């Protein structure tokens, strides 16, 4: 195996691992959002529906598509606003 082949293999493996890490991070963020919203909405079916519908308070974005730390923060901020009656 040449050095170039080894370098290419390492690069491909690194890319695959990074993709998997992003996938798992997204799943973690979504689970955190679900747990937080469940505390406010009280019903898992309601939470599931809320997470998959476009939300005007999120500029028409579907909450479950905000699968990053910043996205989770936006979802939690919105859930807090709902909790306190600031946004319905």
N, C-alpha and C. Protein backbone atom coordinates (compact mmCIF):
# COMPACT_ATOMS: atom_id res chain seq x y z
N UNK A 1 0.84 -1.17 0.00
CA UNK A 1 0.00 0.00 0.00
C UNK A 1 0.89 1.24 0.00
N UNK A 2 0.62 2.14 -0.91
CA UNK A 2 1.43 3.35 -1.01
C UNK A 2 0.98 4.37 0.02
N UNK A 3 1.84 5.33 0.23
CA UNK A 3 1.50 6.40 1.17
C UNK A 3 0.27 7.18 0.70
N UNK A 4 0.17 7.42 -0.60
CA UNK A 4 -0.98 8.15 -1.15
C UNK A 4 -2.28 7.37 -0.92
N UNK A 5 -2.23 6.06 -1.10
CA UNK A 5 -3.41 5.23 -0.88
C UNK A 5 -3.80 5.24 0.58
N UNK A 6 -2.81 5.13 1.44
CA UNK A 6 -3.06 5.16 2.88
C UNK A 6 -3.66 6.49 3.30
N UNK A 7 -3.12 7.57 2.78
CA UNK A 7 -3.64 8.90 3.09
C UNK A 7 -5.09 9.04 2.62
N UNK A 8 -5.39 8.53 1.43
CA UNK A 8 -6.75 8.58 0.89
C UNK A 8 -7.69 7.75 1.75
N UNK A 9 -7.24 6.57 2.17
CA UNK A 9 -8.06 5.71 3.03
C UNK A 9 -8.35 6.39 4.37
N UNK A 10 -7.33 6.98 4.96
CA UNK A 10 -7.50 7.68 6.23
C UNK A 10 -8.47 8.84 6.07
N UNK A 11 -8.34 9.57 4.99
CA UNK A 11 -9.24 10.69 4.73
C UNK A 11 -10.69 10.22 4.57
N UNK A 12 -10.89 9.12 3.89
CA UNK A 12 -12.24 8.58 3.70
C UNK A 12 -12.84 8.12 5.03
N UNK A 13 -12.04 7.46 5.84
CA UNK A 13 -12.51 7.00 7.15
C UNK A 13 -12.84 8.19 8.04
N UNK A 14 -11.99 9.21 8.01
CA UNK A 14 -12.23 10.41 8.81
C UNK A 14 -13.53 11.08 8.38
N UNK A 15 -13.77 11.16 7.10
CA UNK A 15 -14.99 11.76 6.59
C UNK A 15 -16.23 10.97 7.03
N UNK A 16 -16.15 9.65 6.97
CA UNK A 16 -17.26 8.81 7.41
C UNK A 16 -17.54 8.99 8.90
N UNK A 17 -16.49 9.07 9.69
CA UNK A 17 -16.66 9.26 11.13
C UNK A 17 -17.27 10.62 11.43
N UNK A 18 -16.84 11.65 10.75
CA UNK A 18 -17.40 12.99 10.95
C UNK A 18 -18.88 13.01 10.60
N UNK A 19 -19.26 12.31 9.52
CA UNK A 19 -20.66 12.23 9.14
C UNK A 19 -21.48 11.53 10.22
N UNK A 20 -20.95 10.45 10.76
CA UNK A 20 -21.65 9.72 11.82
C UNK A 20 -21.78 10.57 13.09
N UNK A 21 -20.74 11.31 13.42
CA UNK A 21 -20.78 12.17 14.61
C UNK A 21 -21.86 13.22 14.44
N UNK A 22 -21.93 13.86 13.29
CA UNK A 22 -22.96 14.88 13.04
C UNK A 22 -24.35 14.25 13.15
N UNK A 23 -24.51 13.05 12.61
CA UNK A 23 -25.80 12.36 12.68
C UNK A 23 -26.20 12.13 14.13
N UNK A 24 -25.28 11.63 14.94
CA UNK A 24 -25.59 11.36 16.34
C UNK A 24 -25.82 12.65 17.12
N UNK A 25 -25.08 13.69 16.82
CA UNK A 25 -25.31 14.97 17.49
C UNK A 25 -26.71 15.48 17.18
N UNK A 26 -27.12 15.37 15.93
CA UNK A 26 -28.45 15.80 15.54
C UNK A 26 -29.52 15.03 16.31
N UNK A 27 -29.32 13.73 16.45
CA UNK A 27 -30.27 12.91 17.21
C UNK A 27 -30.33 13.34 18.67
N UNK A 28 -29.19 13.66 19.24
CA UNK A 28 -29.15 14.11 20.63
C UNK A 28 -29.89 15.42 20.78
N UNK A 29 -29.66 16.37 19.86
CA UNK A 29 -30.35 17.65 19.93
C UNK A 29 -31.86 17.47 19.82
N UNK A 30 -32.30 16.60 18.93
CA UNK A 30 -33.73 16.36 18.75
C UNK A 30 -34.31 15.73 20.01
N UNK A 31 -33.61 14.81 20.61
CA UNK A 31 -34.10 14.19 21.86
C UNK A 31 -34.19 15.22 22.97
N UNK A 32 -33.22 16.09 23.05
CA UNK A 32 -33.26 17.14 24.08
C UNK A 32 -34.46 18.06 23.85
N UNK A 33 -34.70 18.41 22.61
CA UNK A 33 -35.84 19.27 22.30
C UNK A 33 -37.15 18.57 22.67
N UNK A 34 -37.24 17.28 22.38
CA UNK A 34 -38.45 16.52 22.71
C UNK A 34 -38.68 16.50 24.22
N UNK A 35 -37.64 16.24 24.97
CA UNK A 35 -37.76 16.19 26.43
C UNK A 35 -38.20 17.54 26.97
N UNK A 36 -37.59 18.59 26.48
CA UNK A 36 -37.91 19.93 26.96
C UNK A 36 -39.35 20.30 26.61
N UNK A 37 -39.76 20.01 25.36
CA UNK A 37 -41.12 20.33 24.92
C UNK A 37 -42.15 19.47 25.66
N UNK A 38 -41.81 18.25 25.97
CA UNK A 38 -42.74 17.37 26.68
C UNK A 38 -43.08 17.95 28.04
N UNK A 39 -42.12 18.58 28.67
CA UNK A 39 -42.36 19.21 29.97
C UNK A 39 -43.40 20.33 29.85
N UNK A 40 -43.44 20.99 28.70
CA UNK A 40 -44.38 22.10 28.50
C UNK A 40 -45.71 21.60 27.96
N UNK A 41 -45.66 20.75 26.92
CA UNK A 41 -46.89 20.31 26.27
C UNK A 41 -47.56 19.15 27.00
N UNK A 42 -46.79 18.35 27.71
CA UNK A 42 -47.35 17.29 28.53
C UNK A 42 -47.81 16.04 27.81
N UNK A 43 -47.70 16.01 26.51
CA UNK A 43 -48.20 14.87 25.75
C UNK A 43 -47.22 14.58 24.61
N UNK A 44 -46.75 13.35 24.51
CA UNK A 44 -45.74 13.04 23.50
C UNK A 44 -46.27 13.16 22.08
N UNK A 45 -47.55 12.86 21.86
CA UNK A 45 -48.13 13.03 20.52
C UNK A 45 -48.15 14.50 20.11
N UNK A 46 -48.51 15.36 21.05
CA UNK A 46 -48.52 16.80 20.78
C UNK A 46 -47.11 17.29 20.46
N UNK A 47 -46.14 16.83 21.24
CA UNK A 47 -44.75 17.22 21.01
C UNK A 47 -44.30 16.75 19.63
N UNK A 48 -44.57 15.50 19.30
CA UNK A 48 -44.15 14.96 18.01
C UNK A 48 -44.74 15.77 16.86
N UNK A 49 -46.02 16.10 16.95
CA UNK A 49 -46.67 16.90 15.91
C UNK A 49 -46.07 18.30 15.85
N UNK A 50 -45.82 18.91 17.00
CA UNK A 50 -45.27 20.26 17.05
C UNK A 50 -43.88 20.30 16.42
N UNK A 51 -43.11 19.25 16.64
CA UNK A 51 -41.74 19.22 16.12
C UNK A 51 -41.66 19.03 14.61
N UNK A 52 -42.73 18.55 13.98
CA UNK A 52 -42.67 18.28 12.54
C UNK A 52 -43.49 19.25 11.69
N UNK A 53 -44.05 20.28 12.34
CA UNK A 53 -44.82 21.27 11.60
C UNK A 53 -44.02 22.57 11.48
N UNK A 54 -44.19 23.24 10.34
CA UNK A 54 -43.54 24.54 10.17
C UNK A 54 -44.03 25.47 11.27
N UNK A 55 -43.11 26.25 11.81
CA UNK A 55 -43.46 27.12 12.91
C UNK A 55 -43.15 28.57 12.55
N UNK A 56 -44.18 29.42 12.53
CA UNK A 56 -43.96 30.83 12.17
C UNK A 56 -42.98 31.55 13.11
N UNK A 57 -42.93 31.14 14.35
CA UNK A 57 -42.01 31.77 15.30
C UNK A 57 -40.55 31.40 15.01
N UNK A 58 -40.37 30.37 14.19
CA UNK A 58 -39.02 29.96 13.79
C UNK A 58 -38.81 30.28 12.31
N UNK A 59 -39.46 31.33 11.85
CA UNK A 59 -39.37 31.77 10.46
C UNK A 59 -39.82 30.69 9.48
N UNK A 60 -40.85 29.92 9.90
CA UNK A 60 -41.40 28.90 9.03
C UNK A 60 -40.60 27.60 8.98
N UNK A 61 -39.59 27.51 9.81
CA UNK A 61 -38.75 26.31 9.84
C UNK A 61 -39.43 25.25 10.71
N UNK A 62 -39.24 24.00 10.36
CA UNK A 62 -39.74 22.88 11.16
C UNK A 62 -38.76 22.68 12.33
N UNK A 63 -39.26 22.71 13.57
CA UNK A 63 -38.35 22.61 14.73
C UNK A 63 -37.39 21.43 14.67
N UNK A 64 -37.84 20.28 14.22
CA UNK A 64 -36.96 19.10 14.20
C UNK A 64 -35.84 19.23 13.17
N UNK A 65 -35.95 20.20 12.26
CA UNK A 65 -34.88 20.41 11.28
C UNK A 65 -33.78 21.32 11.81
N UNK A 66 -34.02 21.91 12.96
CA UNK A 66 -32.99 22.74 13.60
C UNK A 66 -32.12 21.83 14.45
N UNK A 67 -31.31 21.03 13.78
CA UNK A 67 -30.58 19.96 14.44
C UNK A 67 -29.12 20.32 14.72
N UNK A 68 -28.95 21.47 15.34
CA UNK A 68 -27.63 21.90 15.77
C UNK A 68 -27.78 22.51 17.16
N UNK A 69 -26.66 22.85 17.77
CA UNK A 69 -26.73 23.47 19.10
C UNK A 69 -27.50 24.79 19.03
N UNK A 70 -27.23 25.58 18.01
CA UNK A 70 -27.94 26.86 17.85
C UNK A 70 -29.42 26.62 17.58
N UNK A 71 -29.73 25.60 16.79
CA UNK A 71 -31.13 25.28 16.52
C UNK A 71 -31.86 24.83 17.76
N UNK A 72 -31.20 23.98 18.57
CA UNK A 72 -31.79 23.53 19.82
C UNK A 72 -32.07 24.72 20.73
N UNK A 73 -31.16 25.66 20.76
CA UNK A 73 -31.35 26.85 21.59
C UNK A 73 -32.58 27.64 21.13
N UNK A 74 -32.77 27.77 19.82
CA UNK A 74 -33.96 28.46 19.30
C UNK A 74 -35.24 27.74 19.70
N UNK A 75 -35.22 26.42 19.60
CA UNK A 75 -36.41 25.63 19.96
C UNK A 75 -36.68 25.78 21.46
N UNK A 76 -35.67 25.68 22.29
CA UNK A 76 -35.85 25.82 23.73
C UNK A 76 -36.34 27.22 24.08
N UNK A 77 -35.80 28.23 23.43
CA UNK A 77 -36.28 29.60 23.67
C UNK A 77 -37.76 29.73 23.33
N UNK A 78 -38.17 29.13 22.22
CA UNK A 78 -39.58 29.18 21.83
C UNK A 78 -40.45 28.41 22.83
N UNK A 79 -40.00 27.24 23.25
CA UNK A 79 -40.76 26.47 24.24
C UNK A 79 -40.89 27.26 25.53
N UNK A 80 -39.82 27.94 25.94
CA UNK A 80 -39.89 28.81 27.13
C UNK A 80 -40.90 29.92 26.95
N UNK A 81 -40.92 30.52 25.77
CA UNK A 81 -41.90 31.59 25.50
C UNK A 81 -43.32 31.05 25.60
N UNK A 82 -43.54 29.85 25.07
CA UNK A 82 -44.86 29.22 25.17
C UNK A 82 -45.19 28.93 26.62
N UNK A 83 -44.22 28.41 27.34
CA UNK A 83 -44.43 28.10 28.76
C UNK A 83 -44.89 29.32 29.54
N UNK A 84 -44.33 30.47 29.22
CA UNK A 84 -44.63 31.70 29.97
C UNK A 84 -45.72 32.53 29.33
N UNK A 85 -46.36 31.98 28.29
CA UNK A 85 -47.49 32.68 27.65
C UNK A 85 -47.09 33.84 26.78
N UNK A 86 -45.81 33.94 26.43
CA UNK A 86 -45.34 35.02 25.58
C UNK A 86 -45.66 34.74 24.12
N UNK A 87 -45.71 33.48 23.75
CA UNK A 87 -46.03 33.09 22.38
C UNK A 87 -46.99 31.93 22.43
N UNK A 88 -48.03 31.98 21.65
CA UNK A 88 -49.03 30.90 21.64
C UNK A 88 -49.01 30.18 20.32
